[in-house]
Amino acid sequence: MTLSQQLSQFITSLSFSDIPPQVIERAKYHLLDTLGVALAGSLQQSATQCRKGVAYLPDHQGKIPIWGSNQTVSTTTAALANGISAHVLDFDDTHTDSITHGSAVLTPIAFALGEHLQATTKEILTAWIIGWEVAARVGLASHSGFHLRGFHSTAIAGIFGATACAASLLKLTREQTVNALGLTGSQASGVAEYLTNSSSAKCFHAGWAAQSGIIAACLAKGGMTGPETIFEGRYSLYQTHGLREKAHPEQVAQDLGNVWQFMNVSIKPYPVCHFAHATVDCGRRLLQRGITLDQIAKVECVVDPVAAALICEPPEQKWAPQSAYAAKFSLPWLFAAGFIEDKLTLSLLSTENLQRADIQNLAKKVSYRYPTENEIPFPTYFPGLIFVTLTHGETITERLDIQYGNPQNPMSLEDIVSKFYDNAGLVMKNEQAAQLAKSVLSFEAKTISAITQLLRVGL
């Protein structure tokens, strides 16, 4: 069988009862986290501009809500808009091995299409988990090739997860699912050029993937066909979008139903690029050792080239980022802000703080180098390793191999719920947020319409 045929067999045969209870339970934590992040994200300029922009689409009208608003739109438009809100803050979860933000793609499509079809919440959870298993494996098999080629992995791997999720909800046959995956290969896109001006393009990738997954699955259900060898063929995904010599396409279908890649997804404690988290925590550990700002002469961070391309290069643009979004991808600035304030919150990413001399001065003392062989465990984890030279000449080291929020160093449920309330509280009253949290944590006992109604505000 081709790899698409193997994926199709998994997608069309998995049922809710086949999924281990611990996977179901953790899925609800990630749904809660994603919804909170999306609600906070709905306030961001890109999200509000999206809500204005979709009104110009000729087929935008419908009954599916855009989260954090009182606006309702078509199923595909809701998936697009909510995907943008879920990813715009870069506060959403990440499968570290594949460097994929899956929940920002899958939650909007599962909720929008699930409500349109009036699917049960068990069917929606099953489809959402299927989507994660596919997205993670498609990204994992590239071995960072998508990023090194200049693509955003979420846009490439995520769109296949979206199609798998939609195929499950639409109850496609195995043949139709193979065709849907083949059609998806012609929609996979998302270039990393957004880094040059911190544009809306990055969050658009998540929304585009969600919307496109619905389209691919629907067209395949109607009879359209796609290549059966989209993962291993002559002009396959890893040939066109990755680096063929690094890729292992066979991993796309490896251990399906036995190893749950979703359980390797990390939740973010900080609203910034995940690559920076452990380094920021290393900086905050210096405070616990009694190190003060005036004692730091220079800081050298060890950063993998894949991560460095996003958060360290070019250095002169990273010392004094010009926008909150640019700051999220500036390791020097994030290190400095996290050390000086001993925290890293949404409110810290303000225009006033971006211009602070104390943060900028420390940021200019932060440099980076690539690791030697096996020096850090990237990309299995997003580690931090720093060498700090003090003003009197001593050099001290801090390292954190497994970032907080990774399943091997997990955020507690208490911290996850607290993060949800912090985010949801920006757009809704505490009573509504509490009701939403309770509903999501008992997801399979609710209806999707009852849950999505709680995601609307301003009514």
Protein backbone atom coordinates (compact mmCIF):
# COMPACT_ATOMS: atom_id res chain seq x y z
CA MET A 1 0.00 0.00 0.00
CA THR A 2 1.10 3.58 -0.57
CA LEU A 3 1.61 5.81 2.47
CA SER A 4 -1.65 7.63 1.69
CA GLN A 5 -3.48 4.32 1.61
CA GLN A 6 -2.04 3.40 5.01
CA LEU A 7 -3.10 6.77 6.43
CA SER A 8 -6.52 6.34 4.87
CA GLN A 9 -7.00 3.00 6.55
CA PHE A 10 -6.24 4.59 9.93
CA ILE A 11 -8.41 7.67 9.33
CA THR A 12 -11.48 5.75 8.22
CA SER A 13 -11.33 2.92 10.77
CA LEU A 14 -10.44 4.65 14.06
CA SER A 15 -13.31 5.07 16.50
CA PHE A 16 -13.60 6.87 19.84
CA SER A 17 -13.41 3.58 21.73
CA ASP A 18 -10.03 2.78 20.09
CA ILE A 19 -8.36 5.83 21.64
CA PRO A 20 -6.67 5.34 25.05
CA PRO A 21 -8.37 7.26 27.90
CA GLN A 22 -5.21 9.24 28.68
CA VAL A 23 -5.13 10.54 25.09
CA ILE A 24 -8.78 11.63 25.34
CA GLU A 25 -8.15 13.36 28.66
CA ARG A 26 -5.10 15.21 27.39
CA ALA A 27 -6.94 16.21 24.23
CA LYS A 28 -9.44 18.14 26.35
CA TYR A 29 -6.61 20.05 28.06
CA HIS A 30 -5.28 21.09 24.66
CA LEU A 31 -8.72 22.07 23.41
CA LEU A 32 -9.15 24.28 26.47
CA ASP A 33 -5.72 25.83 25.97
CA THR A 34 -6.37 26.47 22.27
CA LEU A 35 -9.74 28.10 22.84
CA GLY A 36 -8.30 30.43 25.48
CA VAL A 37 -5.44 31.41 23.20
CA ALA A 38 -7.85 31.98 20.30
CA LEU A 39 -10.13 34.17 22.42
CA ALA A 40 -7.18 36.34 23.41
CA GLY A 41 -5.99 36.26 19.81
CA SER A 42 -9.35 37.55 18.59
CA LEU A 43 -8.34 40.97 19.97
CA GLN A 44 -5.21 41.16 17.84
CA GLN A 45 -5.08 43.40 14.81
CA SER A 46 -4.67 40.55 12.32
CA ALA A 47 -7.77 38.83 13.72
CA THR A 48 -9.90 41.97 13.60
CA GLN A 49 -8.67 42.71 10.09
CA CYS A 50 -9.58 39.17 9.10
CA ARG A 51 -13.13 39.63 10.42
CA LYS A 52 -13.43 42.76 8.30
CA GLY A 53 -11.87 41.09 5.28
CA VAL A 54 -14.04 37.98 5.22
CA ALA A 55 -17.11 40.18 4.81
CA TYR A 56 -15.91 40.78 1.23
CA LEU A 57 -15.96 37.06 0.44
CA PRO A 58 -19.01 36.34 -1.71
CA ASP A 59 -19.79 33.10 0.15
CA HIS A 60 -18.98 34.15 3.71
CA GLN A 61 -22.49 34.14 5.18
CA GLY A 62 -23.52 31.31 7.48
CA LYS A 63 -24.36 30.24 11.01
CA ILE A 64 -20.96 29.19 12.37
CA PRO A 65 -19.53 31.62 14.98
CA ILE A 66 -16.24 33.44 14.83
CA TRP A 67 -14.90 33.05 18.36
CA GLY A 68 -14.68 36.14 20.54
CA SER A 69 -17.27 38.00 18.48
CA ASN A 70 -20.99 37.97 17.68
CA GLN A 71 -20.27 37.35 13.99
CA THR A 72 -21.39 34.16 12.23
CA VAL A 73 -20.12 33.00 8.85
CA SER A 74 -19.88 29.95 6.59
CA THR A 75 -18.13 26.79 7.77
CA THR A 76 -14.97 27.34 5.74
CA THR A 77 -14.81 31.04 6.63
CA ALA A 78 -15.14 30.23 10.35
CA ALA A 79 -12.30 27.72 10.07
CA LEU A 80 -10.16 30.39 8.40
CA ALA A 81 -10.95 33.19 10.87
CA ASN A 82 -10.68 31.06 14.01
CA GLY A 83 -7.44 29.49 12.78
CA ILE A 84 -5.96 32.97 12.45
CA SER A 85 -7.07 33.91 15.98
CA ALA A 86 -5.70 30.66 17.40
CA HIS A 87 -2.22 31.22 15.96
CA VAL A 88 -1.80 34.99 15.89
CA LEU A 89 -0.32 35.22 19.41
CA ASP A 90 2.11 32.31 18.93
CA PHE A 91 0.79 31.10 22.26
CA ASP A 92 -0.63 27.82 20.89
CA ASP A 93 0.73 24.32 21.43
CA THR A 94 3.50 22.66 19.42
CA HIS A 95 4.56 19.16 18.45
CA THR A 96 8.26 19.72 18.92
CA ASP A 97 9.66 16.88 16.78
CA SER A 98 7.73 18.10 13.75
CA ILE A 99 7.72 21.80 14.76
CA THR A 100 3.99 21.89 14.02
CA HIS A 101 1.24 23.98 15.64
CA GLY A 102 -1.55 21.50 15.12
CA SER A 103 -4.28 22.57 17.52
CA ALA A 104 -4.55 26.04 15.97
CA VAL A 105 -5.46 24.33 12.70
CA LEU A 106 -7.48 21.38 13.98
CA THR A 107 -9.66 23.01 16.64
CA PRO A 108 -11.21 25.55 14.22
CA ILE A 109 -11.90 22.91 11.57
CA ALA A 110 -13.24 20.34 14.05
CA PHE A 111 -15.57 22.85 15.68
CA ALA A 112 -16.77 24.52 12.46
CA LEU A 113 -17.29 21.36 10.41
CA GLY A 114 -18.48 19.43 13.45
CA GLU A 115 -21.18 21.99 14.16
CA HIS A 116 -22.17 22.20 10.49
CA LEU A 117 -22.59 18.42 10.36
CA GLN A 118 -24.09 18.25 13.87
CA ALA A 119 -21.50 15.63 14.74
CA THR A 120 -21.31 14.26 18.26
CA THR A 121 -18.53 15.55 20.48
CA LYS A 122 -17.08 12.01 20.53
CA GLU A 123 -16.88 12.10 16.73
CA ILE A 124 -15.28 15.54 16.90
CA LEU A 125 -12.68 14.46 19.46
CA THR A 126 -11.88 11.39 17.36
CA ALA A 127 -11.44 13.46 14.20
CA TRP A 128 -9.33 16.05 16.06
CA ILE A 129 -6.98 13.38 17.40
CA ILE A 130 -6.76 11.74 13.96
CA GLY A 131 -5.78 15.12 12.55
CA TRP A 132 -3.01 15.50 15.10
CA GLU A 133 -1.63 12.01 14.41
CA VAL A 134 -1.43 12.77 10.69
CA ALA A 135 -0.09 16.34 11.01
CA ALA A 136 2.61 15.32 13.48
CA ARG A 137 3.83 12.45 11.32
CA VAL A 138 3.88 14.47 8.11
CA GLY A 139 6.00 17.11 9.83
CA LEU A 140 8.14 14.60 11.69
CA ALA A 141 9.07 12.77 8.49
CA SER A 142 10.57 15.96 7.03
CA HIS A 143 13.24 16.13 9.77
CA SER A 144 13.17 19.94 9.72
CA GLY A 145 13.35 19.94 5.93
CA PHE A 146 10.27 22.12 5.57
CA HIS A 147 11.80 24.84 7.73
CA LEU A 148 15.21 24.56 6.10
CA ARG A 149 13.57 24.91 2.69
CA GLY A 150 11.89 28.12 3.84
CA PHE A 151 8.41 26.84 4.62
CA HIS A 152 6.32 27.07 7.78
CA SER A 153 5.78 23.48 8.94
CA THR A 154 2.35 24.26 10.37
CA ALA A 155 1.17 25.26 6.91
CA ILE A 156 2.58 22.12 5.29
CA ALA A 157 2.03 19.38 7.85
CA GLY A 158 -1.02 21.06 9.38
CA ILE A 159 -3.00 21.05 6.17
CA PHE A 160 -2.72 17.25 5.91
CA GLY A 161 -3.94 16.97 9.49
CA ALA A 162 -6.83 19.26 8.62
CA THR A 163 -7.80 17.09 5.67
CA ALA A 164 -7.62 13.96 7.81
CA CYS A 165 -9.84 15.61 10.44
CA ALA A 166 -12.35 16.67 7.79
CA ALA A 167 -12.27 13.26 6.12
CA SER A 168 -13.17 11.62 9.43
CA LEU A 169 -16.06 13.99 10.12
CA LEU A 170 -17.38 13.70 6.57
CA LYS A 171 -17.06 9.90 6.76
CA LEU A 172 -15.12 9.58 3.54
CA THR A 173 -14.38 6.13 2.17
CA ARG A 174 -10.80 4.90 2.07
CA GLU A 175 -10.50 5.70 -1.62
CA GLN A 176 -11.97 9.17 -1.13
CA THR A 177 -9.55 9.83 1.75
CA VAL A 178 -6.56 8.85 -0.40
CA ASN A 179 -7.77 11.32 -3.03
CA ALA A 180 -8.31 14.03 -0.41
CA LEU A 181 -4.74 13.64 0.83
CA GLY A 182 -3.49 13.79 -2.76
CA LEU A 183 -5.45 16.97 -3.43
CA THR A 184 -4.06 18.45 -0.24
CA GLY A 185 -0.54 18.25 -1.62
CA SER A 186 -1.49 20.85 -4.22
CA GLN A 187 -2.69 23.24 -1.50
CA ALA A 188 0.23 22.87 0.91
CA SER A 189 1.96 26.22 1.17
CA GLY A 190 3.18 28.82 3.62
CA VAL A 191 6.54 30.50 3.05
CA ALA A 192 8.58 31.86 5.95
CA GLU A 193 9.13 35.25 4.32
CA TYR A 194 6.74 36.65 6.93
CA LEU A 195 9.83 36.94 9.12
CA THR A 196 11.04 39.96 7.14
CA ASN A 197 8.26 42.29 8.31
CA SER A 198 6.37 40.36 11.02
CA SER A 199 3.32 40.31 8.76
CA SER A 200 -0.03 38.58 9.18
CA ALA A 201 1.04 35.82 6.80
CA LYS A 202 2.17 33.43 9.56
CA CYS A 203 -1.19 33.30 11.36
CA PHE A 204 -2.93 33.17 7.97
CA HIS A 205 -1.16 29.85 7.42
CA ALA A 206 -3.12 28.18 10.23
CA GLY A 207 -6.45 29.50 8.99
CA TRP A 208 -5.65 28.61 5.39
CA ALA A 209 -4.75 25.06 6.38
CA ALA A 210 -8.02 24.64 8.29
CA GLN A 211 -10.12 26.00 5.45
CA SER A 212 -8.26 24.01 2.81
CA GLY A 213 -8.68 20.73 4.67
CA ILE A 214 -12.45 21.11 4.43
CA ILE A 215 -12.25 21.92 0.72
CA ALA A 216 -9.98 18.97 -0.12
CA ALA A 217 -12.17 16.51 1.78
CA CYS A 218 -15.40 17.82 0.25
CA LEU A 219 -14.03 17.71 -3.30
CA ALA A 220 -12.79 14.16 -2.79
CA LYS A 221 -16.20 13.16 -1.43
CA GLY A 222 -17.65 14.53 -4.66
CA GLY A 223 -15.35 12.32 -6.72
CA MET A 224 -12.27 14.42 -7.49
CA THR A 225 -8.99 12.54 -7.46
CA GLY A 226 -5.46 13.21 -6.27
CA PRO A 227 -2.11 11.44 -6.56
CA GLU A 228 -1.85 8.31 -4.42
CA THR A 229 1.90 8.83 -3.91
CA ILE A 230 1.90 12.38 -2.56
CA PHE A 231 4.41 11.43 0.15
CA GLU A 232 6.82 9.10 -1.69
CA GLY A 233 6.48 9.84 -5.42
CA ARG A 234 8.86 11.48 -7.86
CA TYR A 235 7.37 14.93 -7.21
CA SER A 236 6.23 14.23 -3.68
CA LEU A 237 5.82 16.63 -0.81
CA TYR A 238 9.30 15.93 0.55
CA GLN A 239 10.85 16.55 -2.86
CA THR A 240 9.06 19.85 -3.50
CA HIS A 241 8.63 21.30 -0.01
CA GLY A 242 11.44 19.70 1.97
CA LEU A 243 14.95 18.33 1.56
CA ARG A 244 14.63 14.84 0.12
CA GLU A 245 17.97 13.68 1.52
CA LYS A 246 16.83 14.49 5.07
CA ALA A 247 13.29 13.14 4.82
CA HIS A 248 12.04 9.71 5.86
CA PRO A 249 8.61 9.47 4.19
CA GLU A 250 7.93 6.05 5.69
CA GLN A 251 7.47 7.75 9.07
CA VAL A 252 4.21 9.27 7.80
CA ALA A 253 2.43 5.99 8.50
CA GLN A 254 4.67 4.57 11.20
CA ASP A 255 3.10 3.09 14.36
CA LEU A 256 -0.38 4.46 13.65
CA GLY A 257 -2.70 3.51 16.47
CA ASN A 258 0.19 2.18 18.59
CA VAL A 259 2.25 5.31 19.24
CA TRP A 260 0.20 8.44 19.83
CA GLN A 261 2.27 11.37 18.56
CA PHE A 262 -0.29 13.75 20.05
CA MET A 263 1.06 12.83 23.49
CA ASN A 264 4.31 14.54 22.46
CA VAL A 265 2.65 17.93 22.00
CA SER A 266 3.82 20.76 24.27
CA ILE A 267 1.67 23.53 25.76
CA LYS A 268 3.29 26.98 25.87
CA PRO A 269 3.70 28.85 29.16
CA TYR A 270 4.91 31.96 27.29
CA PRO A 271 3.20 33.84 24.39
CA VAL A 272 6.33 33.80 22.21
CA CYS A 273 8.15 31.52 19.78
CA HIS A 274 8.55 28.12 21.39
CA PHE A 275 12.21 27.94 20.43
CA ALA A 276 12.98 30.69 22.98
CA HIS A 277 11.20 29.33 26.05
CA ALA A 278 13.93 27.22 27.63
CA THR A 279 16.55 29.92 27.07
CA VAL A 280 14.29 32.43 28.80
CA ASP A 281 13.91 30.02 31.71
CA CYS A 282 17.69 29.63 31.88
CA GLY A 283 17.89 33.40 32.22
CA ARG A 284 15.31 33.44 34.98
CA ARG A 285 17.28 30.76 36.81
CA LEU A 286 20.16 33.21 37.03
CA LEU A 287 17.97 35.31 39.31
CA GLN A 288 17.61 32.33 41.65
CA ARG A 289 21.41 32.20 41.84
CA GLY A 290 21.51 35.84 42.88
CA ILE A 291 22.87 37.19 39.60
CA THR A 292 21.96 40.84 39.03
CA LEU A 293 21.71 42.87 35.84
CA ASP A 294 24.89 44.86 36.47
CA GLN A 295 26.90 41.64 36.89
CA ILE A 296 26.24 40.39 33.33
CA ALA A 297 28.96 41.19 30.79
CA LYS A 298 27.77 38.91 27.98
CA VAL A 299 25.53 35.92 27.30
CA GLU A 300 26.16 33.23 24.71
CA CYS A 301 23.17 31.06 23.76
CA VAL A 302 23.51 27.73 22.02
CA VAL A 303 20.81 27.57 19.34
CA ASP A 304 20.18 25.04 16.59
CA PRO A 305 20.32 26.50 13.04
CA VAL A 306 16.61 25.80 12.45
CA ALA A 307 15.68 27.80 15.54
CA ALA A 308 18.35 30.45 15.00
CA ALA A 309 16.92 31.33 11.59
CA LEU A 310 13.72 32.41 13.32
CA ILE A 311 14.81 33.89 16.63
CA CYS A 312 18.43 35.03 16.20
CA GLU A 313 18.93 36.17 12.62
CA PRO A 314 19.72 38.78 11.51
CA PRO A 315 21.16 39.86 14.90
CA GLU A 316 20.90 43.61 14.34
CA GLN A 317 17.12 43.30 13.91
CA LYS A 318 16.74 41.19 17.04
CA TRP A 319 18.32 43.56 19.56
CA ALA A 320 15.56 46.17 19.27
CA PRO A 321 12.42 44.66 17.69
CA GLN A 322 10.02 47.23 16.27
CA SER A 323 6.75 45.46 17.07
CA ALA A 324 5.31 43.05 19.61
CA TYR A 325 5.16 40.37 16.94
CA ALA A 326 8.83 40.88 16.05
CA ALA A 327 9.72 40.66 19.74
CA LYS A 328 8.13 37.20 19.92
CA PHE A 329 10.84 36.03 17.51
CA SER A 330 13.78 37.86 19.11
CA LEU A 331 15.77 35.65 21.45
CA PRO A 332 18.01 38.52 22.70
CA TRP A 333 15.04 40.71 23.58
CA LEU A 334 13.04 37.87 25.13
CA PHE A 335 15.99 36.75 27.22
CA ALA A 336 16.55 40.30 28.45
CA ALA A 337 12.89 41.00 29.21
CA GLY A 338 12.41 37.64 30.95
CA PHE A 339 15.48 38.19 33.11
CA ILE A 340 14.74 41.78 34.06
CA GLU A 341 11.03 41.21 34.81
CA ASP A 342 11.27 37.54 35.91
CA LYS A 343 8.25 36.80 33.73
CA LEU A 344 7.14 36.88 30.10
CA THR A 345 3.51 37.87 29.60
CA LEU A 346 1.32 39.36 26.89
CA SER A 347 1.35 42.71 28.69
CA LEU A 348 5.15 42.77 28.65
CA LEU A 349 5.04 42.86 24.83
CA SER A 350 3.87 46.47 24.77
CA THR A 351 5.23 49.33 22.70
CA GLU A 352 6.47 51.03 25.85
CA ASN A 353 8.45 47.95 26.92
CA LEU A 354 9.90 47.44 23.45
CA GLN A 355 11.54 50.84 23.77
CA ARG A 356 12.98 50.30 27.25
CA ALA A 357 16.69 51.01 27.37
CA ASP A 358 17.43 48.46 30.11
CA ILE A 359 15.95 45.60 28.04
CA GLN A 360 17.62 46.73 24.81
CA ASN A 361 21.02 47.17 26.51
CA LEU A 362 20.95 43.65 27.92
CA ALA A 363 19.68 42.28 24.59
CA LYS A 364 22.81 43.67 22.89
CA LYS A 365 24.94 41.55 25.22
CA VAL A 366 23.22 38.37 24.02
CA SER A 367 24.88 36.42 21.20
CA TYR A 368 24.44 32.89 19.88
CA ARG A 369 26.31 30.05 18.26
CA TYR A 370 25.31 26.77 16.68
CA PRO A 371 25.72 23.64 18.83
CA THR A 372 28.45 21.08 18.48
CA GLU A 373 27.37 17.51 17.75
CA ASN A 374 24.94 16.20 20.41
CA GLU A 375 25.43 19.32 22.56
CA ILE A 376 21.68 19.93 22.82
CA PRO A 377 18.70 17.56 22.26
CA PHE A 378 17.06 19.48 19.40
CA PRO A 379 14.48 18.96 17.86
CA THR A 380 13.23 16.25 20.21
CA TYR A 381 13.04 19.08 22.72
CA PHE A 382 13.47 22.85 22.41
CA PRO A 383 16.32 23.19 24.91
CA GLY A 384 18.12 26.13 26.47
CA LEU A 385 21.87 26.33 27.05
CA ILE A 386 23.60 29.58 27.98
CA PHE A 387 27.11 30.60 28.98
CA VAL A 388 27.11 33.83 30.99
CA THR A 389 30.28 35.84 31.48
CA LEU A 390 30.13 38.04 34.56
CA THR A 391 31.82 41.41 34.87
CA HIS A 392 34.53 40.03 37.15
CA GLY A 393 35.42 37.36 34.54
CA GLU A 394 33.70 34.23 35.85
CA THR A 395 31.61 32.20 33.36
CA ILE A 396 28.56 30.31 34.59
CA THR A 397 26.34 27.88 32.72
CA GLU A 398 22.63 27.23 32.79
CA ARG A 399 20.86 24.56 30.78
CA LEU A 400 17.35 23.22 30.46
CA ASP A 401 17.14 20.28 28.10
CA ILE A 402 13.34 19.89 28.25
CA GLN A 403 11.29 23.08 28.11
CA TYR A 404 8.43 23.55 30.59
CA GLY A 405 5.19 22.50 28.94
CA ASN A 406 6.72 19.56 27.11
CA PRO A 407 5.02 16.25 28.02
CA GLN A 408 8.31 15.21 29.64
CA ASN A 409 8.21 18.39 31.75
CA PRO A 410 4.48 19.11 31.59
CA MET A 411 2.46 22.10 32.65
CA SER A 412 0.15 21.19 35.49
CA LEU A 413 -3.60 21.22 34.89
CA GLU A 414 -3.74 24.08 37.37
CA ASP A 415 -1.34 26.11 35.21
CA ILE A 416 -3.24 25.20 32.03
CA VAL A 417 -6.55 26.32 33.52
CA SER A 418 -4.94 29.47 34.92
CA LYS A 419 -3.55 30.29 31.46
CA PHE A 420 -7.03 29.74 29.98
CA TYR A 421 -8.65 32.16 32.44
CA ASP A 422 -5.96 34.77 31.82
CA ASN A 423 -6.61 34.58 28.08
CA ALA A 424 -10.39 34.13 28.03
CA GLY A 425 -10.81 36.85 30.64
CA LEU A 426 -9.60 39.41 28.11
CA VAL A 427 -12.82 39.03 26.11
CA MET A 428 -15.49 37.50 28.35
CA LYS A 429 -16.80 37.62 31.91
CA ASN A 430 -15.51 35.17 34.50
CA GLU A 431 -18.85 33.36 34.67
CA GLN A 432 -18.84 32.67 30.92
CA ALA A 433 -15.18 31.58 30.99
CA ALA A 434 -15.89 29.22 33.90
CA GLN A 435 -18.83 27.70 32.08
CA LEU A 436 -16.73 27.25 28.94
CA ALA A 437 -13.87 25.61 30.87
CA LYS A 438 -16.26 23.20 32.59
CA SER A 439 -17.87 22.29 29.26
CA VAL A 440 -14.57 21.64 27.48
CA LEU A 441 -13.16 19.52 30.31
CA SER A 442 -16.29 17.34 30.04
CA PHE A 443 -16.32 17.66 26.25
CA GLU A 444 -17.71 14.28 25.26
CA ALA A 445 -20.71 14.79 27.54
CA LYS A 446 -21.74 18.04 25.80
CA THR A 447 -23.00 19.09 22.38
CA ILE A 448 -20.81 21.10 20.05
CA SER A 449 -23.48 23.79 19.59
CA ALA A 450 -23.68 24.36 23.34
CA ILE A 451 -19.91 24.79 23.52
CA THR A 452 -19.59 27.09 20.51
CA GLN A 453 -22.37 29.29 21.84
CA LEU A 454 -20.12 29.98 24.85
CA LEU A 455 -17.36 31.14 22.51
CA ARG A 456 -19.46 34.07 21.29
CA VAL A 457 -19.25 37.49 22.93
CA GLY A 458 -20.89 40.86 22.43
CA LEU A 459 -24.36 39.41 21.97
